[in-house]
N, C-alpha and C. Protein backbone atom coordinates (compact mmCIF):
# COMPACT_ATOMS: atom_id res chain seq x y z
N MET A 1 158.90 138.86 70.33
CA MET A 1 159.08 139.43 69.63
C MET A 1 160.47 138.91 68.66
N ILE A 2 160.85 139.31 67.41
CA ILE A 2 161.81 138.43 66.69
C ILE A 2 162.95 139.31 67.34
N ALA A 3 164.00 138.11 67.87
CA ALA A 3 165.36 138.85 68.44
C ALA A 3 166.45 138.78 67.08
N LYS A 4 165.97 137.67 66.30
CA LYS A 4 166.84 137.76 65.48
C LYS A 4 166.73 137.07 64.26
N LEU A 5 167.18 137.18 62.91
CA LEU A 5 166.40 136.30 61.88
C LEU A 5 167.61 136.63 60.71
N SER A 6 167.75 135.58 60.12
CA SER A 6 168.59 135.02 59.22
C SER A 6 167.89 134.87 57.58
N GLY A 7 168.63 135.14 56.53
CA GLY A 7 167.86 134.69 55.36
C GLY A 7 168.81 135.46 54.42
N THR A 8 168.73 135.76 53.42
CA THR A 8 169.04 136.02 51.58
C THR A 8 168.44 137.83 51.71
N LEU A 9 169.67 138.37 51.49
CA LEU A 9 169.46 140.12 51.26
C LEU A 9 169.00 140.55 49.94
N ALA A 10 167.65 140.25 49.79
CA ALA A 10 167.30 140.44 48.54
C ALA A 10 167.36 142.28 47.67
N ALA A 11 167.06 143.23 48.64
CA ALA A 11 167.42 144.61 48.55
C ALA A 11 167.86 145.29 49.45
N LEU A 12 168.00 146.81 49.07
CA LEU A 12 168.70 147.48 50.15
C LEU A 12 168.31 149.05 49.64
N THR A 13 167.65 149.79 50.44
CA THR A 13 167.58 150.76 49.88
C THR A 13 167.96 152.03 50.88
N ASP A 14 168.10 153.13 51.16
CA ASP A 14 168.30 154.60 52.12
C ASP A 14 168.10 153.85 53.71
N GLU A 15 166.73 153.53 53.70
CA GLU A 15 166.47 153.23 55.62
C GLU A 15 165.71 151.63 55.84
N VAL A 16 165.96 151.09 54.43
CA VAL A 16 165.40 149.53 54.36
C VAL A 16 166.22 148.38 53.97
N ALA A 17 166.06 147.56 54.41
CA ALA A 17 166.85 146.02 54.02
C ALA A 17 165.78 145.17 53.75
N TYR A 18 165.84 144.20 52.73
CA TYR A 18 164.64 143.15 52.45
C TYR A 18 165.17 142.24 52.43
N VAL A 19 165.05 141.35 53.74
CA VAL A 19 165.52 139.96 53.90
C VAL A 19 164.49 138.78 53.62
N ALA A 20 164.99 138.22 52.47
CA ALA A 20 163.81 136.62 52.23
C ALA A 20 164.09 135.73 53.34
N VAL A 21 162.92 135.11 53.76
CA VAL A 21 163.59 134.34 54.99
C VAL A 21 162.19 133.02 54.16
N GLY A 22 162.74 132.28 53.90
CA GLY A 22 161.66 131.57 52.98
C GLY A 22 161.03 132.18 51.89
N PRO A 23 159.59 131.75 52.00
CA PRO A 23 159.00 132.16 51.13
C PRO A 23 158.67 133.97 51.60
N ILE A 24 158.73 134.13 52.71
CA ILE A 24 158.30 135.47 53.27
C ILE A 24 159.65 136.73 52.75
N GLU A 25 159.35 137.98 52.62
CA GLU A 25 160.39 138.47 52.12
C GLU A 25 160.20 139.88 53.75
N LEU A 26 160.95 140.12 54.11
CA LEU A 26 160.47 141.09 55.18
C LEU A 26 161.23 142.40 55.05
N GLU A 27 160.37 143.52 55.41
CA GLU A 27 160.59 144.38 55.16
C GLU A 27 161.66 145.19 56.39
N VAL A 28 162.86 145.27 56.71
CA VAL A 28 163.77 146.08 57.98
C VAL A 28 164.48 147.17 57.62
N LEU A 29 163.58 147.99 59.10
CA LEU A 29 164.33 149.45 59.04
C LEU A 29 165.85 149.21 59.43
N VAL A 30 166.85 149.86 58.71
CA VAL A 30 168.08 150.04 59.36
C VAL A 30 169.01 150.82 59.35
N PRO A 31 169.80 151.08 60.16
CA PRO A 31 170.31 152.40 60.31
C PRO A 31 171.74 152.34 59.43
N HIS A 32 172.51 153.64 59.40
CA HIS A 32 173.29 153.85 58.29
C HIS A 32 174.66 153.09 58.52
N VAL A 33 174.56 152.66 59.92
CA VAL A 33 176.03 151.64 59.94
C VAL A 33 175.61 150.47 59.61
N ALA A 34 174.53 149.90 59.59
CA ALA A 34 174.09 148.69 59.27
C ALA A 34 174.08 148.72 58.20
N ARG A 35 173.68 149.77 56.95
CA ARG A 35 173.59 149.79 55.22
C ARG A 35 175.12 149.42 54.97
N GLN A 36 176.05 150.39 55.09
CA GLN A 36 177.31 150.36 55.05
C GLN A 36 178.14 148.75 55.21
N HIS A 37 177.51 147.96 56.01
CA HIS A 37 178.17 146.67 56.15
C HIS A 37 177.51 145.63 55.42
N LEU A 38 176.11 145.86 54.55
CA LEU A 38 175.45 145.38 53.80
C LEU A 38 175.27 145.63 52.81
N GLN A 39 176.11 146.58 52.22
CA GLN A 39 175.66 146.96 50.68
C GLN A 39 176.69 146.04 49.74
N ASN A 40 177.34 145.59 50.36
CA ASN A 40 178.01 144.57 48.95
C ASN A 40 177.68 143.22 49.20
N GLN A 41 176.48 142.91 49.81
CA GLN A 41 175.97 141.23 50.30
C GLN A 41 174.34 141.43 49.93
N ILE A 42 173.77 141.93 48.40
CA ILE A 42 172.80 141.56 47.84
C ILE A 42 173.09 140.68 47.47
N GLY A 43 172.03 139.32 47.36
CA GLY A 43 172.15 138.09 47.19
C GLY A 43 172.59 137.50 48.09
N GLN A 44 173.14 137.91 49.06
CA GLN A 44 173.64 136.77 50.08
C GLN A 44 173.05 136.47 51.36
N PRO A 45 173.52 135.36 52.30
CA PRO A 45 173.08 135.18 53.33
C PRO A 45 173.14 136.10 54.31
N VAL A 46 172.74 136.89 55.25
CA VAL A 46 172.63 138.01 56.27
C VAL A 46 171.62 137.83 57.12
N THR A 47 172.40 137.79 58.43
CA THR A 47 171.90 138.26 60.10
C THR A 47 171.96 139.02 60.53
N LEU A 48 171.04 139.57 60.57
CA LEU A 48 170.22 140.96 61.70
C LEU A 48 169.55 140.31 62.91
N TRP A 49 170.45 141.60 64.26
CA TRP A 49 169.56 141.45 65.35
C TRP A 49 168.54 142.47 65.54
N THR A 50 167.52 142.11 65.79
CA THR A 50 166.33 142.90 65.61
C THR A 50 165.37 143.40 66.61
N THR A 51 164.81 144.25 66.44
CA THR A 51 163.78 144.46 67.61
C THR A 51 162.49 145.14 67.04
N VAL A 52 161.33 145.35 67.64
CA VAL A 52 159.93 145.85 67.01
C VAL A 52 159.72 147.04 67.47
N PHE A 53 158.92 148.13 67.29
CA PHE A 53 158.31 149.25 67.62
C PHE A 53 157.21 149.61 66.76
N LEU A 54 156.71 150.48 67.51
CA LEU A 54 155.10 150.26 67.32
C LEU A 54 155.07 151.85 66.16
N GLU A 55 154.64 152.37 65.13
CA GLU A 55 154.47 153.55 64.24
C GLU A 55 153.73 153.97 63.80
N GLY A 56 152.93 155.33 64.42
CA GLY A 56 151.63 155.52 64.08
C GLY A 56 151.22 156.43 64.80
N ASN A 57 150.09 156.77 64.92
CA ASN A 57 149.19 157.68 65.81
C ASN A 57 148.29 156.54 66.15
N ALA A 58 148.64 156.31 67.83
CA ALA A 58 147.78 155.73 68.74
C ALA A 58 146.13 156.04 69.08
N LEU A 59 145.95 157.59 68.59
CA LEU A 59 144.89 158.15 68.89
C LEU A 59 143.80 157.78 67.40
N HIS A 60 144.28 157.33 67.02
CA HIS A 60 143.23 157.23 65.67
C HIS A 60 143.42 155.97 65.51
N GLY A 61 144.11 154.98 66.11
CA GLY A 61 144.21 153.41 66.23
C GLY A 61 144.80 153.14 64.86
N ARG A 62 146.24 153.67 64.53
CA ARG A 62 146.74 153.44 63.16
C ARG A 62 148.47 153.30 63.51
N LEU A 63 148.39 152.34 64.50
CA LEU A 63 149.61 151.89 64.37
C LEU A 63 150.13 150.63 64.21
N SER A 64 151.27 150.98 63.38
CA SER A 64 151.92 149.74 62.74
C SER A 64 153.44 148.77 63.02
N PRO A 65 153.38 147.63 63.45
CA PRO A 65 154.61 147.36 63.84
C PRO A 65 155.78 147.48 62.75
N ARG A 66 156.83 147.94 63.27
CA ARG A 66 157.98 148.10 62.40
C ARG A 66 159.25 147.35 62.59
N LEU A 67 159.85 146.71 61.89
CA LEU A 67 161.03 145.94 62.40
C LEU A 67 162.29 146.67 62.09
N VAL A 68 163.11 146.57 62.76
CA VAL A 68 164.20 147.39 62.92
C VAL A 68 165.74 146.22 62.82
N GLY A 69 166.75 146.30 62.10
CA GLY A 69 167.73 145.56 62.22
C GLY A 69 169.27 146.31 62.36
N PHE A 70 169.75 145.37 62.77
CA PHE A 70 171.45 145.80 63.14
C PHE A 70 172.57 144.32 62.88
N VAL A 71 173.48 144.67 62.70
CA VAL A 71 174.57 143.69 62.51
C VAL A 71 174.95 143.24 63.49
N SER A 72 174.73 143.68 64.70
CA SER A 72 175.39 143.24 65.90
C SER A 72 174.40 143.23 66.88
N GLN A 73 174.82 142.20 68.01
CA GLN A 73 173.88 142.40 69.26
C GLN A 73 174.21 143.67 70.07
N ALA A 74 175.47 144.32 69.78
CA ALA A 74 175.69 145.45 70.75
C ALA A 74 175.32 146.53 69.98
N ASP A 75 175.21 146.53 68.55
CA ASP A 75 174.30 147.76 68.10
C ASP A 75 172.84 147.78 68.23
N ARG A 76 172.39 146.38 68.31
CA ARG A 76 171.14 146.32 68.90
C ARG A 76 170.53 146.99 69.94
N ASP A 77 171.48 146.54 71.20
CA ASP A 77 171.47 147.07 72.45
C ASP A 77 171.24 148.33 72.80
N PHE A 78 172.87 148.83 71.74
CA PHE A 78 173.03 150.38 72.23
C PHE A 78 171.77 150.94 71.87
N PHE A 79 171.11 150.59 70.47
CA PHE A 79 170.22 151.42 70.40
C PHE A 79 168.63 151.45 70.84
N LEU A 80 168.60 150.23 72.03
CA LEU A 80 167.93 150.59 72.81
C LEU A 80 167.96 151.60 74.26
N ILE A 81 169.22 151.66 74.55
CA ILE A 81 169.16 152.07 75.69
C ILE A 81 169.37 154.24 74.90
N LEU A 82 169.41 154.17 73.49
CA LEU A 82 169.60 155.38 72.93
C LEU A 82 168.21 155.58 72.86
N CYS A 83 167.15 154.66 72.42
CA CYS A 83 165.61 155.29 72.43
C CYS A 83 165.19 155.86 74.09
N ASP A 84 165.91 155.56 75.19
CA ASP A 84 165.34 155.76 76.32
C ASP A 84 165.75 156.97 76.80
N VAL A 85 166.82 157.80 76.05
CA VAL A 85 167.16 159.07 76.47
C VAL A 85 165.83 160.09 76.08
N GLU A 86 165.86 161.11 77.06
CA GLU A 86 164.53 161.93 76.88
C GLU A 86 164.94 162.98 75.42
N LYS A 87 163.69 162.64 74.68
CA LYS A 87 163.60 163.15 73.28
C LYS A 87 164.39 162.92 72.57
N MET A 88 164.63 161.65 72.23
CA MET A 88 165.57 160.88 71.55
C MET A 88 164.73 159.91 70.45
N GLY A 89 164.07 159.19 70.97
CA GLY A 89 162.81 158.67 70.11
C GLY A 89 163.41 157.48 68.93
N VAL A 90 162.61 156.67 68.41
CA VAL A 90 163.27 155.54 67.55
C VAL A 90 163.95 155.57 66.27
N ARG A 91 162.99 156.79 65.72
CA ARG A 91 163.67 157.53 64.30
C ARG A 91 165.01 158.27 64.73
N LYS A 92 165.25 159.08 65.85
CA LYS A 92 166.10 160.05 65.39
C LYS A 92 167.27 158.64 66.29
N ALA A 93 167.11 158.43 67.31
CA ALA A 93 168.00 157.03 67.24
C ALA A 93 168.73 156.57 66.19
N LEU A 94 168.01 155.62 65.24
CA LEU A 94 168.43 155.22 64.13
C LEU A 94 169.28 156.06 62.96
N LYS A 95 168.85 156.78 63.23
CA LYS A 95 169.67 158.08 62.04
C LYS A 95 170.66 158.44 62.87
N ALA A 96 171.10 158.49 64.40
CA ALA A 96 172.07 158.91 65.03
C ALA A 96 172.87 157.44 64.56
N LEU A 97 172.82 156.38 64.35
CA LEU A 97 173.39 155.40 64.37
C LEU A 97 174.29 155.31 63.02
N ALA A 98 175.07 156.29 62.92
CA ALA A 98 175.82 156.67 61.42
C ALA A 98 177.38 155.96 61.91
N ALA A 99 177.65 155.21 63.11
CA ALA A 99 178.76 154.77 63.60
C ALA A 99 178.55 153.83 64.40
N PRO A 100 179.54 153.15 64.51
CA PRO A 100 179.30 151.77 65.38
C PRO A 100 179.06 152.20 66.81
N ALA A 101 178.00 150.97 67.67
CA ALA A 101 178.13 151.43 69.11
C ALA A 101 179.41 151.64 69.70
N SER A 102 179.98 150.86 69.79
CA SER A 102 181.25 151.13 70.44
C SER A 102 182.38 152.76 70.36
N ALA A 103 182.09 153.28 68.95
CA ALA A 103 182.32 154.21 68.80
C ALA A 103 182.22 155.26 69.32
N ILE A 104 180.50 155.27 69.14
CA ILE A 104 179.57 156.09 70.10
C ILE A 104 179.84 156.51 71.39
N ALA A 105 179.88 154.94 72.13
CA ALA A 105 180.14 155.03 73.61
C ALA A 105 181.77 155.23 74.07
N GLN A 106 182.32 155.41 72.74
CA GLN A 106 183.58 156.01 73.66
C GLN A 106 183.41 156.97 73.77
N ALA A 107 183.13 157.69 72.60
CA ALA A 107 182.87 159.35 72.71
C ALA A 107 181.88 159.97 73.56
N ILE A 108 181.64 159.09 73.94
CA ILE A 108 180.45 159.44 75.24
C ILE A 108 181.32 159.24 76.75
N GLY A 109 181.61 158.48 76.60
CA GLY A 109 182.85 158.07 77.58
C GLY A 109 183.80 159.27 78.08
N ARG A 110 184.25 159.62 76.83
CA ARG A 110 185.18 160.59 77.32
C ARG A 110 184.69 162.18 76.87
N HIS A 111 183.41 162.47 76.88
CA HIS A 111 182.56 163.45 77.06
C HIS A 111 182.79 164.25 76.33
N ASP A 112 183.27 163.74 74.49
CA ASP A 112 183.40 164.32 73.39
C ASP A 112 182.06 164.83 72.64
N VAL A 113 181.95 166.01 72.91
CA VAL A 113 180.48 166.85 72.52
C VAL A 113 180.84 167.30 71.08
N GLY A 114 181.75 167.56 70.46
CA GLY A 114 181.87 167.75 69.19
C GLY A 114 181.81 166.57 68.25
N TRP A 115 181.99 165.47 68.69
CA TRP A 115 182.10 164.37 68.01
C TRP A 115 180.62 163.93 67.96
N LEU A 116 180.22 164.00 69.08
CA LEU A 116 178.79 163.44 69.21
C LEU A 116 177.36 164.50 68.88
N SER A 117 177.88 165.66 68.37
CA SER A 117 177.23 166.29 67.79
C SER A 117 177.16 166.68 66.35
N ASP A 118 178.30 165.90 65.38
CA ASP A 118 178.57 165.59 64.25
C ASP A 118 177.74 164.51 63.92
N LEU A 119 176.76 163.49 64.65
CA LEU A 119 176.07 162.73 64.42
C LEU A 119 175.03 163.00 63.70
N PRO A 120 174.22 162.56 62.94
CA PRO A 120 173.44 163.06 62.20
C PRO A 120 171.57 162.92 63.46
N GLY A 121 171.40 164.65 63.31
CA GLY A 121 170.11 164.70 63.76
C GLY A 121 170.28 164.60 65.33
N ILE A 122 171.83 164.87 66.21
CA ILE A 122 172.02 164.87 67.29
C ILE A 122 172.47 166.53 67.85
N GLY A 123 173.55 167.37 67.66
CA GLY A 123 173.71 168.57 67.78
C GLY A 123 174.04 168.63 69.00
N THR A 124 174.53 169.80 69.74
CA THR A 124 175.11 170.25 71.01
C THR A 124 174.59 170.15 72.10
N ALA A 125 173.05 170.41 72.28
CA ALA A 125 172.40 169.89 73.18
C ALA A 125 172.08 168.45 73.52
N MET A 126 171.62 168.05 72.69
CA MET A 126 171.86 166.59 72.27
C MET A 126 172.76 165.40 72.86
N ALA A 127 173.90 166.10 72.60
CA ALA A 127 175.23 165.49 72.72
C ALA A 127 175.43 165.21 74.27
N ARG A 128 175.67 166.60 74.87
CA ARG A 128 175.28 166.83 76.23
C ARG A 128 174.59 165.62 77.16
N LYS A 129 173.17 165.89 76.39
CA LYS A 129 172.16 164.93 76.83
C LYS A 129 172.38 163.50 77.21
N LEU A 130 173.01 163.29 75.84
CA LEU A 130 173.11 161.71 76.24
C LEU A 130 174.63 161.43 77.00
N ILE A 131 175.15 162.43 77.04
CA ILE A 131 176.46 162.21 78.18
C ILE A 131 176.25 162.21 79.29
N GLY A 132 174.99 162.48 79.84
CA GLY A 132 174.70 162.58 81.51
C GLY A 132 173.82 161.26 81.16
N ALA A 133 172.98 161.24 80.74
CA ALA A 133 171.97 160.20 80.22
C ALA A 133 172.53 158.80 80.52
N LEU A 134 174.17 158.65 79.53
CA LEU A 134 174.38 157.07 79.32
C LEU A 134 175.82 157.42 79.76
N GLU A 135 176.66 157.75 80.48
CA GLU A 135 177.71 157.81 80.79
C GLU A 135 178.13 156.55 81.93
N LYS A 136 177.13 156.33 82.29
CA LYS A 136 177.61 155.33 83.32
C LYS A 136 176.66 153.64 82.61
N LYS A 137 176.35 153.62 81.49
CA LYS A 137 175.61 152.90 81.15
C LYS A 137 176.28 151.93 79.94
N ILE A 138 177.30 152.43 79.78
CA ILE A 138 178.24 152.35 78.07
C ILE A 138 179.39 151.12 78.48
N GLY A 139 179.03 150.68 79.74
CA GLY A 139 180.49 150.08 79.98
C GLY A 139 181.12 148.92 79.01
N ARG A 140 179.74 148.51 79.06
CA ARG A 140 179.81 146.97 77.85
C ARG A 140 179.71 147.13 76.93
N PHE A 141 179.81 148.52 76.01
CA PHE A 141 179.96 148.75 74.89
C PHE A 141 180.86 149.26 74.56
N LEU A 142 181.91 149.13 75.58
CA LEU A 142 183.09 149.43 75.16
C LEU A 142 184.34 148.56 75.09
N PRO A 143 185.20 149.13 74.59
CA PRO A 143 186.71 147.89 74.07
C PRO A 143 187.25 147.75 75.30
N ALA A 144 187.57 146.41 75.77
CA ALA A 144 188.45 145.81 76.55
C ALA A 144 189.69 146.65 76.87
N VAL A 145 189.68 147.44 78.24
CA VAL A 145 190.94 148.18 78.79
C VAL A 145 192.13 147.31 78.55
N GLU A 146 193.38 147.76 77.81
CA GLU A 146 194.45 147.19 77.71
C GLU A 146 195.17 147.80 78.84
N ALA A 147 196.13 146.71 78.99
CA ALA A 147 196.68 147.05 80.02
C ALA A 147 197.95 147.07 79.78
N PRO A 148 199.15 148.53 80.35
CA PRO A 148 199.98 148.95 79.53
C PRO A 148 201.04 147.61 79.69
N ALA A 149 202.36 147.96 78.36
CA ALA A 149 203.37 146.59 78.52
C ALA A 149 203.95 145.81 79.45
N GLU A 150 203.99 146.85 80.23
CA GLU A 150 205.10 146.44 81.62
C GLU A 150 204.42 145.60 82.64
N ARG A 151 202.82 145.44 82.37
CA ARG A 151 201.99 144.89 83.15
C ARG A 151 201.13 143.82 82.67
N GLN A 152 201.92 143.00 81.30
CA GLN A 152 200.84 142.15 80.61
C GLN A 152 200.44 140.85 81.49
N ALA A 153 201.59 140.78 82.40
CA ALA A 153 201.07 139.66 83.44
C ALA A 153 199.83 139.82 83.70
N ALA A 154 199.50 140.93 84.24
CA ALA A 154 197.57 141.08 84.40
C ALA A 154 196.94 140.67 83.17
N THR A 155 196.11 139.61 83.63
CA THR A 155 195.04 139.50 82.03
C THR A 155 194.18 140.15 81.42
N ASP A 156 194.07 140.35 80.21
CA ASP A 156 193.12 140.69 79.79
C ASP A 156 191.69 140.90 80.19
N GLY A 157 191.39 139.55 80.94
CA GLY A 157 189.70 139.22 81.75
C GLY A 157 189.88 139.88 83.09
N MET A 158 191.14 139.78 83.87
CA MET A 158 190.96 140.47 85.19
C MET A 158 190.94 142.25 84.70
N VAL A 159 191.51 142.35 84.03
CA VAL A 159 191.47 143.69 84.03
C VAL A 159 189.89 144.68 83.21
N GLN A 160 189.70 143.51 82.55
CA GLN A 160 188.22 143.98 82.25
C GLN A 160 187.06 143.75 83.44
N ASP A 161 187.22 142.66 84.79
CA ASP A 161 186.41 142.64 85.58
C ASP A 161 186.40 143.66 86.33
N ALA A 162 187.81 144.55 86.51
CA ALA A 162 188.20 145.41 87.62
C ALA A 162 187.66 146.50 86.68
N TYR A 163 187.54 146.60 85.72
CA TYR A 163 186.76 147.91 84.95
C TYR A 163 185.60 148.23 84.99
N GLN A 164 185.14 146.84 85.03
CA GLN A 164 183.24 146.52 85.17
C GLN A 164 182.88 146.47 86.68
N GLY A 165 183.81 146.72 87.29
CA GLY A 165 183.59 146.52 88.77
C GLY A 165 183.54 147.96 89.13
N LEU A 166 184.24 149.15 88.72
CA LEU A 166 184.60 150.09 89.05
C LEU A 166 183.14 150.78 88.43
N LEU A 167 182.91 150.47 87.44
CA LEU A 167 181.51 151.35 86.84
C LEU A 167 180.53 151.13 87.42
N THR A 168 180.72 149.78 88.13
CA THR A 168 179.24 149.22 89.17
C THR A 168 179.42 150.25 90.13
N LEU A 169 180.49 150.82 90.87
CA LEU A 169 180.84 151.33 91.90
C LEU A 169 180.30 153.00 91.78
N GLY A 170 180.06 153.43 90.56
CA GLY A 170 179.57 154.38 90.41
C GLY A 170 180.58 155.31 89.41
N HIS A 171 181.76 154.76 89.25
CA HIS A 171 183.00 155.84 88.15
C HIS A 171 182.61 155.54 87.12
N THR A 172 182.44 156.92 86.42
CA THR A 172 182.40 157.19 85.03
C THR A 172 183.63 156.15 84.07
N PRO A 173 183.08 155.87 82.99
CA PRO A 173 184.06 155.19 82.32
C PRO A 173 185.43 155.62 82.08
N ALA A 174 185.44 156.92 81.58
CA ALA A 174 187.06 157.87 81.88
C ALA A 174 187.28 157.80 82.97
N GLU A 175 186.78 157.73 83.98
CA GLU A 175 187.45 157.51 85.67
C GLU A 175 187.96 156.06 85.91
N ALA A 176 187.23 155.32 85.30
CA ALA A 176 187.59 153.49 85.38
C ALA A 176 188.84 153.35 84.98
N ARG A 177 188.97 154.00 83.42
CA ARG A 177 190.07 154.02 83.01
C ARG A 177 191.68 154.37 83.34
N ARG A 178 191.32 155.20 83.87
CA ARG A 178 192.24 156.53 84.38
C ARG A 178 192.98 155.71 85.80
N LEU A 179 191.89 155.63 86.84
CA LEU A 179 192.09 154.68 88.26
C LEU A 179 193.23 153.10 87.55
N ILE A 180 192.38 152.73 86.46
CA ILE A 180 193.27 151.23 86.42
C ILE A 180 194.40 151.49 85.57
N GLU A 181 194.68 152.19 85.14
CA GLU A 181 196.28 152.44 84.42
C GLU A 181 196.93 152.96 85.34
N ARG A 182 196.17 153.85 86.44
CA ARG A 182 197.31 154.13 87.72
C ARG A 182 197.16 153.15 88.39
N ALA A 183 196.45 152.77 88.93
CA ALA A 183 197.32 150.82 89.64
C ALA A 183 198.06 150.02 88.65
N LEU A 184 197.61 149.94 87.73
CA LEU A 184 199.07 148.64 86.81
C LEU A 184 199.99 149.62 86.98
N GLY A 185 200.17 150.97 86.73
CA GLY A 185 201.49 151.64 86.90
C GLY A 185 202.13 151.97 87.96
N SER A 186 201.70 151.06 89.11
CA SER A 186 202.28 151.59 90.25
C SER A 186 203.07 150.28 90.46
N GLY A 187 203.47 149.15 89.99
CA GLY A 187 204.24 148.35 89.99
C GLY A 187 203.94 147.50 90.97
N LYS A 188 203.07 147.17 91.45
CA LYS A 188 202.17 145.78 92.30
C LYS A 188 201.95 144.91 91.29
N SER A 189 201.83 143.79 91.43
CA SER A 189 201.68 142.55 91.17
C SER A 189 199.92 142.20 91.88
N PHE A 190 198.76 142.14 90.99
CA PHE A 190 197.48 141.71 91.23
C PHE A 190 197.36 140.22 90.75
N ALA A 191 196.52 139.51 92.10
CA ALA A 191 196.01 138.17 91.88
C ALA A 191 194.73 137.99 91.22
N SER A 192 194.16 139.11 91.51
CA SER A 192 192.63 138.58 90.69
C SER A 192 191.56 140.66 90.55
N ALA A 193 190.77 140.51 90.12
CA ALA A 193 190.33 141.84 90.00
C ALA A 193 189.96 142.43 91.81
N GLU A 194 189.43 142.13 92.06
CA GLU A 194 189.26 142.20 93.35
C GLU A 194 190.67 143.15 93.96
N GLU A 195 191.40 142.58 94.35
CA GLU A 195 192.49 143.70 94.10
C GLU A 195 193.01 144.66 93.60
N LEU A 196 192.69 144.49 92.21
CA LEU A 196 192.95 145.65 91.37
C LEU A 196 191.85 146.83 91.55
N ILE A 197 190.96 146.53 91.77
CA ILE A 197 189.55 147.44 92.41
C ILE A 197 190.13 148.26 93.47
N VAL A 198 190.69 147.54 94.66
CA VAL A 198 190.99 148.07 95.80
C VAL A 198 192.47 149.17 95.83
N GLU A 199 193.29 148.95 94.79
CA GLU A 199 194.45 149.42 94.27
C GLU A 199 194.24 150.49 93.85
N ALA A 200 193.11 150.55 92.78
CA ALA A 200 192.63 151.50 92.16
C ALA A 200 191.93 152.64 92.66
N CYS A 201 191.09 152.28 93.60
CA CYS A 201 190.44 153.03 94.53
C CYS A 201 191.39 153.82 95.34
N ARG A 202 192.45 153.08 95.84
CA ARG A 202 193.47 153.84 96.72
C ARG A 202 193.98 154.74 96.02
N SER A 203 194.51 154.27 94.99
CA SER A 203 194.90 155.53 93.74
C SER A 203 194.52 156.40 93.58
N GLY A 204 193.23 156.85 93.59
CA GLY A 204 192.42 157.87 93.32
C GLY A 204 191.86 158.58 94.60
N LEU A 205 192.63 158.15 95.60
CA LEU A 205 192.27 159.15 96.70
C LEU A 205 193.27 160.35 96.95
């Protein structure tokens, strides 16, 4: 599978980026969020994170490989988990990516049905389905949790490790953020992510 490609952006349409890699010009399907990034880069070098899917009618033997590209690995990986949601599919997932993966992940984390339902092709029912299916899978797509000003001694790395640990324990992103903020606000000092997790869990009792 082609995981990443670099070349010159030869042309860009509503759905496709044409990327020249040496003497070969590749047709790459791109979502809206990628088109926004690429629209001023015609004739310039670009790099796309890619995946391949088969499109067509399997019963009639008319399957064609289609290359899909994204401007970041996170957007590509988020697209792949979107495709696994029931009744989503490749084309609908591509259409839905009208915003960066991090923004969509944050909306899922805060259970923002209204924001999600405004994404192209989603609607209220699918927004609820996305929340139910993905809220425990989006941790790596969310921005790092920042400690309050009075707790700057706690490093970003330790806070993020504790956040990921709480997700692993089964907490939702919203719960993990709330528990960490409460623990950091307790006035205690933490030497490790493990200590922060213990206090976060204790504060949630």
